[in-house]
Amino acid sequence: DPYGNELQLTQMAVVDELAAAGELVKG
């Protein structure tokens, strides 16, 4: 990260985030 820390656990659930984004226009 910008402060020199190594990220240990961060895995972003991208497909969940995109699914939620899609719901905004589906209703």
PDB file of all heavy atoms in Angstrom:
ATOM      1  N   ASP A   1       0.843  -1.199   0.000  1.00  0.00           N
ATOM      2  CA  ASP A   1       0.000   0.000   0.000  1.00  0.00           C
ATOM      3  C   ASP A   1       0.884   1.258   0.000  1.00  0.00           C
ATOM      4  O   ASP A   1       2.128   1.164   0.091  1.00  0.00           O
ATOM      5  CB  ASP A   1      -0.986  -0.018   1.172  1.00  0.00           C
ATOM      6  CG  ASP A   1      -0.326   0.194   2.534  1.00  0.00           C
ATOM      7  OD1 ASP A   1       0.851   0.603   2.596  1.00  0.00           O
ATOM      8  OD2 ASP A   1      -1.004  -0.029   3.553  1.00  0.00           O
ATOM      9  N   PRO A   2       0.314   2.470  -0.133  1.00  0.00           N
ATOM     10  CA  PRO A   2       1.123   3.696  -0.211  1.00  0.00           C
ATOM     11  C   PRO A   2       1.987   3.962   1.018  1.00  0.00           C
ATOM     12  O   PRO A   2       2.911   4.777   0.957  1.00  0.00           O
ATOM     13  CB  PRO A   2       0.068   4.789  -0.389  1.00  0.00           C
ATOM     14  CG  PRO A   2      -1.087   4.108  -1.033  1.00  0.00           C
ATOM     15  CD  PRO A   2      -1.117   2.749  -0.423  1.00  0.00           C
ATOM     16  N   TYR A   3       1.695   3.257   2.144  1.00  0.00           N
ATOM     17  CA  TYR A   3       2.474   3.467   3.360  1.00  0.00           C
ATOM     18  C   TYR A   3       3.541   2.393   3.548  1.00  0.00           C
ATOM     19  O   TYR A   3       4.180   2.311   4.592  1.00  0.00           O
ATOM     20  CB  TYR A   3       1.542   3.496   4.575  1.00  0.00           C
ATOM     21  CG  TYR A   3       0.621   4.687   4.571  1.00  0.00           C
ATOM     22  CD1 TYR A   3      -0.628   4.615   3.963  1.00  0.00           C
ATOM     23  CD2 TYR A   3       0.997   5.899   5.156  1.00  0.00           C
ATOM     24  CE1 TYR A   3      -1.478   5.699   3.939  1.00  0.00           C
ATOM     25  CE2 TYR A   3       0.152   6.991   5.143  1.00  0.00           C
ATOM     26  CZ  TYR A   3      -1.080   6.893   4.532  1.00  0.00           C
ATOM     27  OH  TYR A   3      -1.923   7.978   4.498  1.00  0.00           O
ATOM     28  N   GLY A   4       3.688   1.526   2.540  1.00  0.00           N
ATOM     29  CA  GLY A   4       4.715   0.502   2.610  1.00  0.00           C
ATOM     30  C   GLY A   4       4.302  -0.774   3.293  1.00  0.00           C
ATOM     31  O   GLY A   4       5.145  -1.632   3.567  1.00  0.00           O
ATOM     32  N   ASN A   5       2.992  -0.927   3.582  1.00  0.00           N
ATOM     33  CA  ASN A   5       2.514  -2.142   4.234  1.00  0.00           C
ATOM     34  C   ASN A   5       2.132  -3.192   3.189  1.00  0.00           C
ATOM     35  O   ASN A   5       1.446  -2.886   2.208  1.00  0.00           O
ATOM     36  CB  ASN A   5       1.276  -1.825   5.090  1.00  0.00           C
ATOM     37  CG  ASN A   5       1.559  -0.759   6.121  1.00  0.00           C
ATOM     38  OD1 ASN A   5       2.464  -0.900   6.941  1.00  0.00           O
ATOM     39  ND2 ASN A   5       0.799   0.322   6.086  1.00  0.00           N
ATOM     40  N   GLU A   6       2.557  -4.422   3.420  1.00  0.00           N
ATOM     41  CA  GLU A   6       2.148  -5.504   2.523  1.00  0.00           C
ATOM     42  C   GLU A   6       0.753  -5.981   2.894  1.00  0.00           C
ATOM     43  O   GLU A   6       0.464  -6.288   4.047  1.00  0.00           O
ATOM     44  CB  GLU A   6       3.132  -6.677   2.623  1.00  0.00           C
ATOM     45  CG  GLU A   6       2.783  -7.821   1.670  1.00  0.00           C
ATOM     46  CD  GLU A   6       3.777  -8.958   1.710  1.00  0.00           C
ATOM     47  OE1 GLU A   6       4.893  -8.743   2.231  1.00  0.00           O
ATOM     48  OE2 GLU A   6       3.430 -10.057   1.242  1.00  0.00           O
ATOM     49  N   LEU A   7      -0.132  -6.028   1.916  1.00  0.00           N
ATOM     50  CA  LEU A   7      -1.503  -6.473   2.156  1.00  0.00           C
ATOM     51  C   LEU A   7      -1.512  -7.985   2.335  1.00  0.00           C
ATOM     52  O   LEU A   7      -0.926  -8.722   1.547  1.00  0.00           O
ATOM     53  CB  LEU A   7      -2.393  -6.067   0.984  1.00  0.00           C
ATOM     54  CG  LEU A   7      -2.464  -4.545   0.713  1.00  0.00           C
ATOM     55  CD1 LEU A   7      -3.369  -4.253  -0.459  1.00  0.00           C
ATOM     56  CD2 LEU A   7      -2.936  -3.800   1.958  1.00  0.00           C
ATOM     57  N   GLN A   8      -2.203  -8.439   3.388  1.00  0.00           N
ATOM     58  CA  GLN A   8      -2.176  -9.857   3.744  1.00  0.00           C
ATOM     59  C   GLN A   8      -3.474 -10.585   3.431  1.00  0.00           C
ATOM     60  O   GLN A   8      -3.457 -11.769   3.095  1.00  0.00           O
ATOM     61  CB  GLN A   8      -1.902  -9.997   5.262  1.00  0.00           C
ATOM     62  CG  GLN A   8      -0.608  -9.355   5.719  1.00  0.00           C
ATOM     63  CD  GLN A   8       0.622 -10.106   5.244  1.00  0.00           C
ATOM     64  OE1 GLN A   8       0.577 -11.310   5.022  1.00  0.00           O
ATOM     65  NE2 GLN A   8       1.729  -9.393   5.059  1.00  0.00           N
ATOM     66  N   LEU A   9      -4.615  -9.915   3.536  1.00  0.00           N
ATOM     67  CA  LEU A   9      -5.904 -10.601   3.484  1.00  0.00           C
ATOM     68  C   LEU A   9      -6.847 -10.091   2.404  1.00  0.00           C
ATOM     69  O   LEU A   9      -7.896 -10.694   2.179  1.00  0.00           O
ATOM     70  CB  LEU A   9      -6.629 -10.472   4.845  1.00  0.00           C
ATOM     71  CG  LEU A   9      -5.893 -11.041   6.060  1.00  0.00           C
ATOM     72  CD1 LEU A   9      -6.639 -10.681   7.333  1.00  0.00           C
ATOM     73  CD2 LEU A   9      -5.745 -12.537   5.938  1.00  0.00           C
ATOM     74  N   THR A  10      -6.524  -9.027   1.747  1.00  0.00           N
ATOM     75  CA  THR A  10      -7.489  -8.330   0.909  1.00  0.00           C
ATOM     76  C   THR A  10      -7.733  -9.055  -0.405  1.00  0.00           C
ATOM     77  O   THR A  10      -6.889  -9.069  -1.296  1.00  0.00           O
ATOM     78  CB  THR A  10      -7.034  -6.890   0.626  1.00  0.00           C
ATOM     79  OG1 THR A  10      -6.766  -6.239   1.879  1.00  0.00           O
ATOM     80  CG2 THR A  10      -8.118  -6.126  -0.118  1.00  0.00           C
ATOM     81  N   GLN A  11      -8.912  -9.668  -0.511  1.00  0.00           N
ATOM     82  CA  GLN A  11      -9.410 -10.251  -1.750  1.00  0.00           C
ATOM     83  C   GLN A  11     -10.782  -9.635  -2.013  1.00  0.00           C
ATOM     84  O   GLN A  11     -11.721  -9.871  -1.255  1.00  0.00           O
ATOM     85  CB  GLN A  11      -9.539 -11.769  -1.646  1.00  0.00           C
ATOM     86  CG  GLN A  11      -8.232 -12.524  -1.601  1.00  0.00           C
ATOM     87  CD  GLN A  11      -8.476 -14.016  -1.486  1.00  0.00           C
ATOM     88  OE1 GLN A  11      -8.994 -14.494  -0.486  1.00  0.00           O
ATOM     89  NE2 GLN A  11      -8.130 -14.755  -2.517  1.00  0.00           N
ATOM     90  N   MET A  12     -10.890  -8.854  -3.051  1.00  0.00           N
ATOM     91  CA  MET A  12     -12.152  -8.195  -3.361  1.00  0.00           C
ATOM     92  C   MET A  12     -13.033  -9.148  -4.167  1.00  0.00           C
ATOM     93  O   MET A  12     -12.610  -9.696  -5.185  1.00  0.00           O
ATOM     94  CB  MET A  12     -11.912  -6.909  -4.153  1.00  0.00           C
ATOM     95  CG  MET A  12     -10.970  -5.929  -3.478  1.00  0.00           C
ATOM     96  SD  MET A  12     -11.463  -5.471  -1.789  1.00  0.00           S
ATOM     97  CE  MET A  12     -13.013  -4.642  -2.129  1.00  0.00           C
ATOM     98  N   ALA A  13     -14.266  -9.342  -3.704  1.00  0.00           N
ATOM     99  CA  ALA A  13     -15.210 -10.220  -4.401  1.00  0.00           C
ATOM    100  C   ALA A  13     -15.809  -9.458  -5.578  1.00  0.00           C
ATOM    101  O   ALA A  13     -16.941  -8.978  -5.535  1.00  0.00           O
ATOM    102  CB  ALA A  13     -16.291 -10.705  -3.447  1.00  0.00           C
ATOM    103  N   VAL A  14     -15.046  -9.351  -6.641  1.00  0.00           N
ATOM    104  CA  VAL A  14     -15.403  -8.503  -7.776  1.00  0.00           C
ATOM    105  C   VAL A  14     -16.738  -8.898  -8.377  1.00  0.00           C
ATOM    106  O   VAL A  14     -17.565  -8.032  -8.713  1.00  0.00           O
ATOM    107  CB  VAL A  14     -14.285  -8.569  -8.841  1.00  0.00           C
ATOM    108  CG1 VAL A  14     -14.751  -7.961 -10.157  1.00  0.00           C
ATOM    109  CG2 VAL A  14     -13.055  -7.837  -8.348  1.00  0.00           C
ATOM    110  N   VAL A  15     -16.989 -10.203  -8.527  1.00  0.00           N
ATOM    111  CA  VAL A  15     -18.236 -10.598  -9.180  1.00  0.00           C
ATOM    112  C   VAL A  15     -19.452 -10.235  -8.329  1.00  0.00           C
ATOM    113  O   VAL A  15     -20.522  -9.935  -8.870  1.00  0.00           O
ATOM    114  CB  VAL A  15     -18.232 -12.094  -9.540  1.00  0.00           C
ATOM    115  CG1 VAL A  15     -17.295 -12.358 -10.712  1.00  0.00           C
ATOM    116  CG2 VAL A  15     -17.871 -12.968  -8.350  1.00  0.00           C
ATOM    117  N   ASP A  16     -19.305 -10.233  -7.006  1.00  0.00           N
ATOM    118  CA  ASP A  16     -20.402  -9.758  -6.156  1.00  0.00           C
ATOM    119  C   ASP A  16     -20.622  -8.255  -6.348  1.00  0.00           C
ATOM    120  O   ASP A  16     -21.763  -7.779  -6.414  1.00  0.00           O
ATOM    121  CB  ASP A  16     -20.102 -10.045  -4.685  1.00  0.00           C
ATOM    122  CG  ASP A  16     -20.373 -11.490  -4.300  1.00  0.00           C
ATOM    123  OD1 ASP A  16     -20.995 -12.221  -5.096  1.00  0.00           O
ATOM    124  OD2 ASP A  16     -19.964 -11.890  -3.197  1.00  0.00           O
ATOM    125  N   GLU A  17     -19.524  -7.509  -6.405  1.00  0.00           N
ATOM    126  CA  GLU A  17     -19.640  -6.065  -6.582  1.00  0.00           C
ATOM    127  C   GLU A  17     -20.283  -5.722  -7.925  1.00  0.00           C
ATOM    128  O   GLU A  17     -21.133  -4.817  -8.015  1.00  0.00           O
ATOM    129  CB  GLU A  17     -18.257  -5.423  -6.469  1.00  0.00           C
ATOM    130  CG  GLU A  17     -17.661  -5.545  -5.071  1.00  0.00           C
ATOM    131  CD  GLU A  17     -16.253  -4.996  -4.977  1.00  0.00           C
ATOM    132  OE1 GLU A  17     -15.447  -5.250  -5.893  1.00  0.00           O
ATOM    133  OE2 GLU A  17     -15.955  -4.296  -3.986  1.00  0.00           O
ATOM    134  N   LEU A  18     -19.921  -6.442  -8.967  1.00  0.00           N
ATOM    135  CA  LEU A  18     -20.503  -6.184 -10.278  1.00  0.00           C
ATOM    136  C   LEU A  18     -21.964  -6.620 -10.319  1.00  0.00           C
ATOM    137  O   LEU A  18     -22.799  -5.973 -10.972  1.00  0.00           O
ATOM    138  CB  LEU A  18     -19.698  -6.899 -11.356  1.00  0.00           C
ATOM    139  CG  LEU A  18     -18.270  -6.379 -11.563  1.00  0.00           C
ATOM    140  CD1 LEU A  18     -17.508  -7.274 -12.526  1.00  0.00           C
ATOM    141  CD2 LEU A  18     -18.278  -4.942 -12.071  1.00  0.00           C
ATOM    142  N   ALA A  19     -22.294  -7.709  -9.628  1.00  0.00           N
ATOM    143  CA  ALA A  19     -23.690  -8.134  -9.558  1.00  0.00           C
ATOM    144  C   ALA A  19     -24.547  -7.067  -8.891  1.00  0.00           C
ATOM    145  O   ALA A  19     -25.652  -6.751  -9.352  1.00  0.00           O
ATOM    146  CB  ALA A  19     -23.798  -9.455  -8.797  1.00  0.00           C
ATOM    147  N   ALA A  20     -24.040  -6.500  -7.804  1.00  0.00           N
ATOM    148  CA  ALA A  20     -24.784  -5.442  -7.116  1.00  0.00           C
ATOM    149  C   ALA A  20     -24.909  -4.203  -7.994  1.00  0.00           C
ATOM    150  O   ALA A  20     -25.962  -3.544  -8.020  1.00  0.00           O
ATOM    151  CB  ALA A  20     -24.097  -5.093  -5.799  1.00  0.00           C
ATOM    152  N   ALA A  21     -23.861  -3.880  -8.725  1.00  0.00           N
ATOM    153  CA  ALA A  21     -23.924  -2.729  -9.629  1.00  0.00           C
ATOM    154  C   ALA A  21     -24.985  -2.942 -10.704  1.00  0.00           C
ATOM    155  O   ALA A  21     -25.772  -2.045 -11.020  1.00  0.00           O
ATOM    156  CB  ALA A  21     -22.558  -2.495 -10.268  1.00  0.00           C
ATOM    157  N   GLY A  22     -25.035  -4.150 -11.260  1.00  0.00           N
ATOM    158  CA  GLY A  22     -26.024  -4.434 -12.281  1.00  0.00           C
ATOM    159  C   GLY A  22     -27.443  -4.309 -11.767  1.00  0.00           C
ATOM    160  O   GLY A  22     -28.352  -3.862 -12.492  1.00  0.00           O
ATOM    161  N   GLU A  23     -27.670  -4.673 -10.507  1.00  0.00           N
ATOM    162  CA  GLU A  23     -29.016  -4.590  -9.940  1.00  0.00           C
ATOM    163  C   GLU A  23     -29.544  -3.157  -9.918  1.00  0.00           C
ATOM    164  O   GLU A  23     -30.761  -2.928  -9.952  1.00  0.00           O
ATOM    165  CB  GLU A  23     -29.010  -5.183  -8.522  1.00  0.00           C
ATOM    166  CG  GLU A  23     -30.310  -5.046  -7.756  1.00  0.00           C
ATOM    167  CD  GLU A  23     -31.482  -5.717  -8.462  1.00  0.00           C
ATOM    168  OE1 GLU A  23     -31.261  -6.560  -9.347  1.00  0.00           O
ATOM    169  OE2 GLU A  23     -32.622  -5.364  -8.128  1.00  0.00           O
ATOM    170  N   LEU A  24     -28.654  -2.176  -9.900  1.00  0.00           N
ATOM    171  CA  LEU A  24     -29.089  -0.782  -9.865  1.00  0.00           C
ATOM    172  C   LEU A  24     -29.925  -0.411 -11.082  1.00  0.00           C
ATOM    173  O   LEU A  24     -30.791   0.468 -11.002  1.00  0.00           O
ATOM    174  CB  LEU A  24     -27.866   0.144  -9.768  1.00  0.00           C
ATOM    175  CG  LEU A  24     -27.062   0.055  -8.469  1.00  0.00           C
ATOM    176  CD1 LEU A  24     -25.799   0.908  -8.582  1.00  0.00           C
ATOM    177  CD2 LEU A  24     -27.901   0.499  -7.276  1.00  0.00           C
ATOM    178  N   VAL A  25     -29.681  -1.050 -12.217  1.00  0.00           N
ATOM    179  CA  VAL A  25     -30.458  -0.710 -13.416  1.00  0.00           C
ATOM    180  C   VAL A  25     -31.466  -1.794 -13.779  1.00  0.00           C
ATOM    181  O   VAL A  25     -32.240  -1.624 -14.715  1.00  0.00           O
ATOM    182  CB  VAL A  25     -29.539  -0.440 -14.635  1.00  0.00           C
ATOM    183  CG1 VAL A  25     -28.590   0.707 -14.356  1.00  0.00           C
ATOM    184  CG2 VAL A  25     -28.776  -1.692 -15.043  1.00  0.00           C
ATOM    185  N   LYS A  26     -31.460  -2.906 -13.035  1.00  0.00           N
ATOM    186  CA  LYS A  26     -32.428  -3.957 -13.333  1.00  0.00           C
ATOM    187  C   LYS A  26     -33.730  -3.748 -12.574  1.00  0.00           C
ATOM    188  O   LYS A  26     -34.811  -3.809 -13.147  1.00  0.00           O
ATOM    189  CB  LYS A  26     -31.840  -5.337 -12.987  1.00  0.00           C
ATOM    190  CG  LYS A  26     -30.768  -5.807 -13.971  1.00  0.00           C
ATOM    191  CD  LYS A  26     -30.440  -7.280 -13.770  1.00  0.00           C
ATOM    192  CE  LYS A  26     -29.795  -7.564 -12.447  1.00  0.00           C
ATOM    193  NZ  LYS A  26     -29.469  -8.984 -12.260  1.00  0.00           N
ATOM    194  N   GLY A  27     -33.645  -3.525 -11.260  1.00  0.00           N
ATOM    195  CA  GLY A  27     -34.862  -3.376 -10.475  1.00  0.00           C
ATOM    196  C   GLY A  27     -35.579  -4.697 -10.314  1.00  0.00           C
ATOM    197  O   GLY A  27     -35.223  -5.712 -10.907  1.00  0.00           O
TER     198      GLY A  27
END
